[in-house]
Amino acid sequence: MATAKKAPAKKKAAAKKAPAKKAAAKKAPAKKAVAKKAPAKKAPAKKAAAKKAPAKKAAAKKAPAKKKAPAKKRTPNAAFMKPLTPSATLAAVVGSSPLPRTAVVSKMWDYIKKNKLQDSVNKRMINADDKLRAVFNKGQVSMFEMAGLIGKHLK
């Protein structure tokens, strides 16, 4: 729309100059040719400006990046670190000494991997052997269920 508004303004200016210079009427076609070339020169300038604008936006996005303060080291929850005594059935797998929950789950995974009890198709499923069947009361348990079932055997 901006170019449409500018075009009538040029015609009015050209119309005012034409009566004043009748001798320049012969040169008028040359002026029109020049006038046609001028918008062609302006168009690439607009494209160049359009190309520069995304670069400015990208630079603006990079500028606000600030360095964060170093993260504090997380302290373990005391409830997870409290040593608990396993039941007799769970002690057959992880040992009878009191262990925190995290250590019990870790030892369970060591036992599962050592005896290759993970399902070969779905690695999230654990196939129970005789010792684990006593703990789980099932033949197959998902790894998400395992933590809940282990909790029943800890005091």
N, C-alpha and C. Protein backbone atom coordinates (compact mmCIF):
# COMPACT_ATOMS: atom_id res chain seq x y z
N MET A 1 0.81 -1.19 0.00
CA MET A 1 0.00 0.00 0.00
C MET A 1 0.86 1.26 0.00
N ALA A 2 2.01 1.20 0.58
CA ALA A 2 2.87 2.38 0.66
C ALA A 2 3.30 2.82 -0.74
N THR A 3 3.56 1.88 -1.61
CA THR A 3 3.97 2.24 -2.97
C THR A 3 2.81 2.85 -3.74
N ALA A 4 1.57 2.41 -3.48
CA ALA A 4 0.41 2.97 -4.17
C ALA A 4 0.21 4.43 -3.78
N LYS A 5 0.48 4.78 -2.55
CA LYS A 5 0.32 6.17 -2.11
C LYS A 5 1.41 7.06 -2.71
N LYS A 6 2.60 6.55 -2.87
CA LYS A 6 3.70 7.34 -3.40
C LYS A 6 3.53 7.61 -4.90
N ALA A 7 2.97 6.66 -5.62
CA ALA A 7 2.83 6.80 -7.08
C ALA A 7 1.97 8.02 -7.45
N PRO A 8 0.78 8.24 -6.82
CA PRO A 8 0.01 9.42 -7.19
C PRO A 8 0.75 10.71 -6.85
N ALA A 9 1.53 10.74 -5.83
CA ALA A 9 2.27 11.95 -5.46
C ALA A 9 3.29 12.29 -6.56
N LYS A 10 3.94 11.32 -7.14
CA LYS A 10 4.90 11.55 -8.21
C LYS A 10 4.20 12.07 -9.46
N LYS A 11 3.02 11.53 -9.76
CA LYS A 11 2.28 11.97 -10.95
C LYS A 11 1.88 13.43 -10.82
N LYS A 12 1.48 13.85 -9.63
CA LYS A 12 1.09 15.25 -9.42
C LYS A 12 2.29 16.16 -9.60
N ALA A 13 3.42 15.74 -9.07
CA ALA A 13 4.63 16.55 -9.21
C ALA A 13 5.04 16.63 -10.68
N ALA A 14 4.93 15.54 -11.40
CA ALA A 14 5.27 15.51 -12.83
C ALA A 14 4.29 16.36 -13.64
N ALA A 15 3.01 16.35 -13.25
CA ALA A 15 1.99 17.12 -13.96
C ALA A 15 2.24 18.61 -13.79
N LYS A 16 2.71 19.05 -12.63
CA LYS A 16 2.99 20.47 -12.40
C LYS A 16 4.19 20.93 -13.21
N LYS A 17 5.21 20.08 -13.34
CA LYS A 17 6.42 20.46 -14.07
C LYS A 17 6.20 20.43 -15.58
N ALA A 18 5.34 19.60 -16.08
CA ALA A 18 5.14 19.44 -17.53
C ALA A 18 4.67 20.73 -18.20
N PRO A 19 3.67 21.48 -17.70
CA PRO A 19 3.26 22.71 -18.36
C PRO A 19 4.36 23.77 -18.33
N ALA A 20 5.18 23.79 -17.34
CA ALA A 20 6.23 24.80 -17.23
C ALA A 20 7.31 24.58 -18.29
N LYS A 21 7.61 23.32 -18.58
CA LYS A 21 8.66 23.01 -19.56
C LYS A 21 8.06 22.23 -20.72
N LYS A 22 7.68 22.92 -21.78
CA LYS A 22 7.13 22.25 -22.95
C LYS A 22 8.25 21.61 -23.76
N ALA A 23 9.42 22.15 -23.71
CA ALA A 23 10.55 21.62 -24.46
C ALA A 23 11.02 20.29 -23.88
N ALA A 24 10.75 20.05 -22.62
CA ALA A 24 11.17 18.82 -21.97
C ALA A 24 10.25 17.66 -22.27
N ALA A 25 9.19 17.89 -23.07
CA ALA A 25 8.22 16.85 -23.41
C ALA A 25 8.89 15.73 -24.18
N LYS A 26 9.88 16.05 -25.00
CA LYS A 26 10.57 15.02 -25.74
C LYS A 26 11.38 14.12 -24.80
N LYS A 27 11.89 14.66 -23.74
CA LYS A 27 12.70 13.90 -22.80
C LYS A 27 11.84 13.16 -21.76
N ALA A 28 10.56 13.37 -21.77
CA ALA A 28 9.66 12.75 -20.79
C ALA A 28 9.72 11.23 -20.82
N PRO A 29 9.76 10.54 -21.99
CA PRO A 29 9.87 9.08 -21.96
C PRO A 29 11.13 8.61 -21.24
N ALA A 30 12.20 9.32 -21.36
CA ALA A 30 13.43 8.95 -20.65
C ALA A 30 13.22 9.04 -19.15
N LYS A 31 12.48 10.06 -18.69
CA LYS A 31 12.19 10.19 -17.26
C LYS A 31 11.35 9.03 -16.77
N LYS A 32 10.39 8.56 -17.57
CA LYS A 32 9.56 7.44 -17.18
C LYS A 32 10.40 6.19 -17.03
N ALA A 33 11.34 6.01 -17.94
CA ALA A 33 12.21 4.83 -17.84
C ALA A 33 13.03 4.88 -16.55
N VAL A 34 13.49 6.07 -16.23
CA VAL A 34 14.26 6.23 -14.99
C VAL A 34 13.35 5.99 -13.79
N ALA A 35 12.12 6.45 -13.88
CA ALA A 35 11.17 6.28 -12.79
C ALA A 35 10.87 4.81 -12.58
N LYS A 36 10.85 4.03 -13.67
CA LYS A 36 10.59 2.60 -13.53
C LYS A 36 11.76 1.89 -12.88
N LYS A 37 12.97 2.37 -13.18
CA LYS A 37 14.14 1.73 -12.60
C LYS A 37 14.29 2.05 -11.12
N ALA A 38 13.86 3.17 -10.70
CA ALA A 38 14.02 3.58 -9.31
C ALA A 38 13.32 2.63 -8.34
N PRO A 39 12.04 2.24 -8.58
CA PRO A 39 11.43 1.29 -7.64
C PRO A 39 12.16 -0.04 -7.62
N ALA A 40 12.75 -0.44 -8.75
CA ALA A 40 13.48 -1.70 -8.79
C ALA A 40 14.68 -1.63 -7.84
N LYS A 41 15.31 -0.47 -7.75
CA LYS A 41 16.44 -0.31 -6.84
C LYS A 41 15.98 -0.31 -5.39
N LYS A 42 14.79 0.22 -5.13
CA LYS A 42 14.27 0.28 -3.77
C LYS A 42 13.87 -1.10 -3.26
N ALA A 43 13.35 -1.95 -4.14
CA ALA A 43 12.89 -3.27 -3.73
C ALA A 43 14.00 -4.10 -3.11
N PRO A 44 15.19 -4.19 -3.72
CA PRO A 44 16.25 -4.96 -3.07
C PRO A 44 16.65 -4.38 -1.72
N ALA A 45 16.57 -3.07 -1.57
CA ALA A 45 16.89 -2.46 -0.29
C ALA A 45 15.92 -2.94 0.78
N LYS A 46 14.65 -3.07 0.40
CA LYS A 46 13.66 -3.57 1.36
C LYS A 46 13.96 -5.01 1.72
N LYS A 47 14.36 -5.82 0.72
CA LYS A 47 14.69 -7.22 0.99
C LYS A 47 15.90 -7.31 1.90
N ALA A 48 16.87 -6.45 1.65
CA ALA A 48 18.07 -6.45 2.49
C ALA A 48 17.71 -6.07 3.92
N ALA A 49 16.82 -5.10 4.06
CA ALA A 49 16.39 -4.70 5.40
C ALA A 49 15.63 -5.84 6.07
N ALA A 50 14.84 -6.56 5.27
CA ALA A 50 14.09 -7.70 5.82
C ALA A 50 15.05 -8.79 6.26
N LYS A 51 16.15 -8.97 5.52
CA LYS A 51 17.12 -9.99 5.90
C LYS A 51 17.87 -9.58 7.16
N LYS A 52 18.11 -8.31 7.34
CA LYS A 52 18.83 -7.83 8.51
C LYS A 52 17.99 -7.94 9.77
N ALA A 53 16.68 -7.81 9.65
CA ALA A 53 15.80 -7.82 10.81
C ALA A 53 15.89 -9.15 11.58
N PRO A 54 15.85 -10.33 10.91
CA PRO A 54 15.99 -11.57 11.68
C PRO A 54 17.33 -11.66 12.39
N ALA A 55 18.36 -11.11 11.80
CA ALA A 55 19.67 -11.15 12.45
C ALA A 55 19.63 -10.33 13.74
N LYS A 56 18.94 -9.21 13.71
CA LYS A 56 18.81 -8.40 14.93
C LYS A 56 18.03 -9.16 15.99
N LYS A 57 16.98 -9.87 15.56
CA LYS A 57 16.19 -10.64 16.52
C LYS A 57 17.04 -11.74 17.14
N ALA A 58 17.84 -12.42 16.32
CA ALA A 58 18.69 -13.48 16.84
C ALA A 58 19.69 -12.92 17.84
N ALA A 59 20.25 -11.75 17.53
CA ALA A 59 21.19 -11.12 18.44
C ALA A 59 20.50 -10.72 19.74
N ALA A 60 19.25 -10.28 19.62
CA ALA A 60 18.50 -9.88 20.81
C ALA A 60 18.22 -11.09 21.70
N LYS A 61 18.00 -12.25 21.09
CA LYS A 61 17.74 -13.45 21.88
C LYS A 61 18.99 -13.90 22.63
N LYS A 62 20.16 -13.74 22.01
CA LYS A 62 21.39 -14.18 22.64
C LYS A 62 21.81 -13.25 23.77
N ALA A 63 21.50 -11.99 23.68
CA ALA A 63 21.94 -11.00 24.65
C ALA A 63 21.40 -11.26 26.07
N PRO A 64 20.10 -11.62 26.26
CA PRO A 64 19.61 -11.78 27.62
C PRO A 64 20.16 -12.99 28.38
N ALA A 65 20.87 -13.88 27.69
CA ALA A 65 21.38 -15.08 28.36
C ALA A 65 22.36 -14.66 29.46
N LYS A 66 22.02 -14.99 30.67
CA LYS A 66 22.85 -14.64 31.82
C LYS A 66 23.38 -15.91 32.45
N LYS A 67 24.50 -15.79 33.11
CA LYS A 67 25.06 -16.94 33.79
C LYS A 67 24.26 -17.20 35.06
N LYS A 68 23.91 -18.47 35.23
CA LYS A 68 23.16 -18.84 36.43
C LYS A 68 24.13 -19.11 37.57
N ALA A 69 23.62 -18.93 38.76
CA ALA A 69 24.43 -19.23 39.93
C ALA A 69 24.67 -20.73 39.98
N PRO A 70 25.81 -21.18 40.47
CA PRO A 70 26.06 -22.62 40.52
C PRO A 70 25.01 -23.32 41.38
N ALA A 71 24.52 -24.44 40.86
CA ALA A 71 23.45 -25.17 41.55
C ALA A 71 23.99 -25.78 42.84
N LYS A 72 23.18 -25.74 43.86
CA LYS A 72 23.57 -26.33 45.13
C LYS A 72 23.45 -27.84 45.01
N LYS A 73 24.35 -28.55 45.64
CA LYS A 73 24.31 -30.00 45.60
C LYS A 73 23.13 -30.47 46.44
N ARG A 74 22.35 -31.36 45.84
CA ARG A 74 21.15 -31.85 46.53
C ARG A 74 21.55 -32.76 47.68
N THR A 75 20.89 -32.57 48.79
CA THR A 75 21.12 -33.45 49.92
C THR A 75 20.08 -34.56 49.89
N PRO A 76 20.48 -35.79 50.17
CA PRO A 76 19.53 -36.90 50.12
C PRO A 76 18.48 -36.77 51.23
N ASN A 77 17.30 -37.25 50.92
CA ASN A 77 16.21 -37.23 51.89
C ASN A 77 16.54 -38.22 53.02
N ALA A 78 16.42 -37.77 54.24
CA ALA A 78 16.77 -38.60 55.39
C ALA A 78 15.92 -39.86 55.46
N ALA A 79 14.68 -39.80 54.99
CA ALA A 79 13.80 -40.97 55.04
C ALA A 79 14.32 -42.08 54.13
N PHE A 80 14.92 -41.72 53.01
CA PHE A 80 15.46 -42.74 52.11
C PHE A 80 16.77 -43.32 52.63
N MET A 81 17.49 -42.53 53.41
CA MET A 81 18.81 -42.96 53.88
C MET A 81 18.76 -43.71 55.22
N LYS A 82 17.60 -43.76 55.83
CA LYS A 82 17.47 -44.46 57.11
C LYS A 82 17.60 -45.97 56.89
N PRO A 83 18.51 -46.63 57.61
CA PRO A 83 18.68 -48.08 57.44
C PRO A 83 17.44 -48.82 57.93
N LEU A 84 16.94 -49.74 57.11
CA LEU A 84 15.77 -50.55 57.44
C LEU A 84 16.15 -52.02 57.38
N THR A 85 15.49 -52.81 58.23
CA THR A 85 15.79 -54.25 58.29
C THR A 85 14.88 -54.99 57.32
N PRO A 86 15.45 -55.77 56.40
CA PRO A 86 14.62 -56.53 55.46
C PRO A 86 13.99 -57.76 56.12
N SER A 87 12.85 -58.18 55.58
CA SER A 87 12.19 -59.40 56.07
C SER A 87 13.04 -60.61 55.67
N ALA A 88 12.69 -61.76 56.19
CA ALA A 88 13.45 -62.98 55.92
C ALA A 88 13.45 -63.31 54.43
N THR A 89 12.31 -63.13 53.74
CA THR A 89 12.24 -63.45 52.31
C THR A 89 13.09 -62.49 51.48
N LEU A 90 13.08 -61.22 51.84
CA LEU A 90 13.89 -60.23 51.12
C LEU A 90 15.37 -60.38 51.48
N ALA A 91 15.66 -60.81 52.71
CA ALA A 91 17.04 -61.01 53.15
C ALA A 91 17.73 -62.09 52.33
N ALA A 92 16.97 -63.04 51.78
CA ALA A 92 17.55 -64.09 50.94
C ALA A 92 18.15 -63.50 49.66
N VAL A 93 17.66 -62.33 49.25
CA VAL A 93 18.14 -61.70 48.02
C VAL A 93 19.20 -60.63 48.32
N VAL A 94 18.93 -59.74 49.29
CA VAL A 94 19.80 -58.58 49.51
C VAL A 94 20.69 -58.70 50.75
N GLY A 95 20.49 -59.65 51.57
CA GLY A 95 21.27 -59.78 52.81
C GLY A 95 20.44 -59.35 54.01
N SER A 96 20.89 -59.76 55.21
CA SER A 96 20.09 -59.51 56.41
C SER A 96 20.47 -58.23 57.15
N SER A 97 21.53 -57.56 56.77
CA SER A 97 21.94 -56.35 57.49
C SER A 97 21.02 -55.18 57.12
N PRO A 98 20.80 -54.24 58.06
CA PRO A 98 19.96 -53.07 57.77
C PRO A 98 20.56 -52.22 56.65
N LEU A 99 19.71 -51.84 55.69
CA LEU A 99 20.13 -51.06 54.53
C LEU A 99 19.13 -49.94 54.25
N PRO A 100 19.59 -48.81 53.70
CA PRO A 100 18.62 -47.80 53.25
C PRO A 100 17.85 -48.31 52.03
N ARG A 101 16.70 -47.72 51.78
CA ARG A 101 15.86 -48.14 50.65
C ARG A 101 16.62 -48.11 49.33
N THR A 102 17.41 -47.06 49.15
CA THR A 102 18.15 -46.92 47.89
C THR A 102 19.11 -48.09 47.68
N ALA A 103 19.76 -48.53 48.75
CA ALA A 103 20.70 -49.65 48.66
C ALA A 103 19.97 -50.96 48.39
N VAL A 104 18.77 -51.11 48.97
CA VAL A 104 17.98 -52.33 48.76
C VAL A 104 17.58 -52.43 47.29
N VAL A 105 17.10 -51.33 46.70
CA VAL A 105 16.70 -51.33 45.30
C VAL A 105 17.91 -51.60 44.41
N SER A 106 19.04 -51.02 44.75
CA SER A 106 20.26 -51.23 43.99
C SER A 106 20.69 -52.70 44.02
N LYS A 107 20.63 -53.32 45.19
CA LYS A 107 21.00 -54.74 45.31
C LYS A 107 20.01 -55.63 44.58
N MET A 108 18.74 -55.23 44.57
CA MET A 108 17.73 -56.01 43.83
C MET A 108 18.07 -55.99 42.34
N TRP A 109 18.44 -54.81 41.82
CA TRP A 109 18.78 -54.72 40.40
C TRP A 109 20.06 -55.51 40.10
N ASP A 110 21.00 -55.51 41.02
CA ASP A 110 22.21 -56.31 40.82
C ASP A 110 21.85 -57.79 40.72
N TYR A 111 20.95 -58.26 41.59
CA TYR A 111 20.51 -59.66 41.58
C TYR A 111 19.77 -59.98 40.28
N ILE A 112 18.90 -59.06 39.85
CA ILE A 112 18.11 -59.27 38.63
C ILE A 112 19.03 -59.37 37.41
N LYS A 113 20.00 -58.48 37.31
CA LYS A 113 20.90 -58.49 36.15
C LYS A 113 21.86 -59.67 36.18
N LYS A 114 22.31 -60.03 37.39
CA LYS A 114 23.23 -61.16 37.52
C LYS A 114 22.56 -62.46 37.06
N ASN A 115 21.30 -62.63 37.42
CA ASN A 115 20.56 -63.85 37.07
C ASN A 115 19.76 -63.73 35.77
N LYS A 116 19.92 -62.60 35.06
CA LYS A 116 19.25 -62.35 33.77
C LYS A 116 17.73 -62.57 33.88
N LEU A 117 17.12 -61.84 34.80
CA LEU A 117 15.69 -61.98 35.05
C LEU A 117 14.85 -60.92 34.35
N GLN A 118 15.48 -59.98 33.65
CA GLN A 118 14.71 -59.00 32.87
C GLN A 118 14.12 -59.70 31.66
N ASP A 119 12.87 -59.36 31.32
CA ASP A 119 12.22 -59.92 30.14
C ASP A 119 12.99 -59.47 28.90
N SER A 120 13.24 -60.39 27.98
CA SER A 120 14.05 -60.05 26.80
C SER A 120 13.31 -59.14 25.83
N VAL A 121 11.98 -59.21 25.78
CA VAL A 121 11.20 -58.37 24.86
C VAL A 121 10.93 -57.01 25.49
N ASN A 122 10.41 -57.00 26.71
CA ASN A 122 10.08 -55.76 27.42
C ASN A 122 10.98 -55.64 28.64
N LYS A 123 12.02 -54.81 28.55
CA LYS A 123 13.02 -54.71 29.61
C LYS A 123 12.47 -54.13 30.91
N ARG A 124 11.27 -53.55 30.85
CA ARG A 124 10.68 -52.99 32.08
C ARG A 124 10.07 -54.08 32.96
N MET A 125 9.90 -55.26 32.42
CA MET A 125 9.30 -56.36 33.17
C MET A 125 10.39 -57.25 33.76
N ILE A 126 10.15 -57.74 34.97
CA ILE A 126 11.09 -58.61 35.68
C ILE A 126 10.42 -59.96 35.87
N ASN A 127 11.06 -60.99 35.37
CA ASN A 127 10.57 -62.36 35.56
C ASN A 127 11.13 -62.88 36.87
N ALA A 128 10.25 -63.28 37.78
CA ALA A 128 10.67 -63.68 39.12
C ALA A 128 11.14 -65.12 39.13
N ASP A 129 12.27 -65.34 39.83
CA ASP A 129 12.68 -66.72 40.10
C ASP A 129 12.09 -67.11 41.46
N ASP A 130 12.53 -68.21 42.04
CA ASP A 130 11.93 -68.68 43.29
C ASP A 130 12.09 -67.67 44.43
N LYS A 131 13.28 -67.07 44.56
CA LYS A 131 13.51 -66.11 45.65
C LYS A 131 12.66 -64.85 45.46
N LEU A 132 12.59 -64.35 44.24
CA LEU A 132 11.81 -63.13 44.00
C LEU A 132 10.31 -63.39 44.03
N ARG A 133 9.89 -64.58 43.67
CA ARG A 133 8.46 -64.90 43.72
C ARG A 133 7.96 -64.82 45.16
N ALA A 134 8.80 -65.18 46.13
CA ALA A 134 8.43 -65.08 47.54
C ALA A 134 8.27 -63.61 47.96
N VAL A 135 9.06 -62.73 47.36
CA VAL A 135 8.98 -61.30 47.69
C VAL A 135 7.81 -60.65 46.97
N PHE A 136 7.66 -60.93 45.67
CA PHE A 136 6.65 -60.26 44.84
C PHE A 136 5.27 -60.90 44.91
N ASN A 137 5.19 -62.20 45.22
CA ASN A 137 3.94 -62.97 45.17
C ASN A 137 3.35 -63.01 43.76
N LYS A 138 4.18 -62.84 42.73
CA LYS A 138 3.77 -62.87 41.33
C LYS A 138 4.91 -63.48 40.52
N GLY A 139 4.58 -63.92 39.33
CA GLY A 139 5.60 -64.47 38.45
C GLY A 139 6.33 -63.40 37.66
N GLN A 140 5.64 -62.28 37.36
CA GLN A 140 6.25 -61.19 36.61
C GLN A 140 5.78 -59.86 37.17
N VAL A 141 6.73 -58.92 37.31
CA VAL A 141 6.44 -57.62 37.92
C VAL A 141 7.11 -56.54 37.08
N SER A 142 6.45 -55.38 36.97
CA SER A 142 7.11 -54.26 36.27
C SER A 142 8.08 -53.59 37.23
N MET A 143 9.06 -52.92 36.68
CA MET A 143 10.06 -52.27 37.53
C MET A 143 9.46 -51.17 38.39
N PHE A 144 8.30 -50.63 37.97
CA PHE A 144 7.64 -49.60 38.75
C PHE A 144 6.92 -50.20 39.96
N GLU A 145 6.42 -51.39 39.81
CA GLU A 145 5.75 -52.07 40.93
C GLU A 145 6.77 -52.56 41.95
N MET A 146 7.96 -52.87 41.49
CA MET A 146 8.97 -53.50 42.34
C MET A 146 9.25 -52.68 43.60
N ALA A 147 9.41 -51.38 43.49
CA ALA A 147 9.72 -50.55 44.66
C ALA A 147 8.61 -50.64 45.71
N GLY A 148 7.35 -50.64 45.26
CA GLY A 148 6.24 -50.75 46.21
C GLY A 148 6.20 -52.11 46.89
N LEU A 149 6.49 -53.15 46.13
CA LEU A 149 6.47 -54.49 46.71
C LEU A 149 7.65 -54.71 47.66
N ILE A 150 8.77 -54.07 47.40
CA ILE A 150 9.92 -54.18 48.30
C ILE A 150 9.62 -53.47 49.60
N GLY A 151 8.93 -52.34 49.54
CA GLY A 151 8.61 -51.57 50.73
C GLY A 151 7.82 -52.34 51.76
N LYS A 152 7.04 -53.31 51.33
CA LYS A 152 6.26 -54.12 52.25
C LYS A 152 7.16 -55.07 53.08
N HIS A 153 8.36 -55.30 52.61
CA HIS A 153 9.27 -56.23 53.28
C HIS A 153 10.36 -55.51 54.08
N LEU A 154 10.24 -54.20 54.25
CA LEU A 154 11.22 -53.44 55.02
C LEU A 154 10.59 -52.84 56.27
N LYS A 155 11.29 -52.94 57.41
CA LYS A 155 10.81 -52.35 58.67
C LYS A 155 11.93 -51.63 59.37
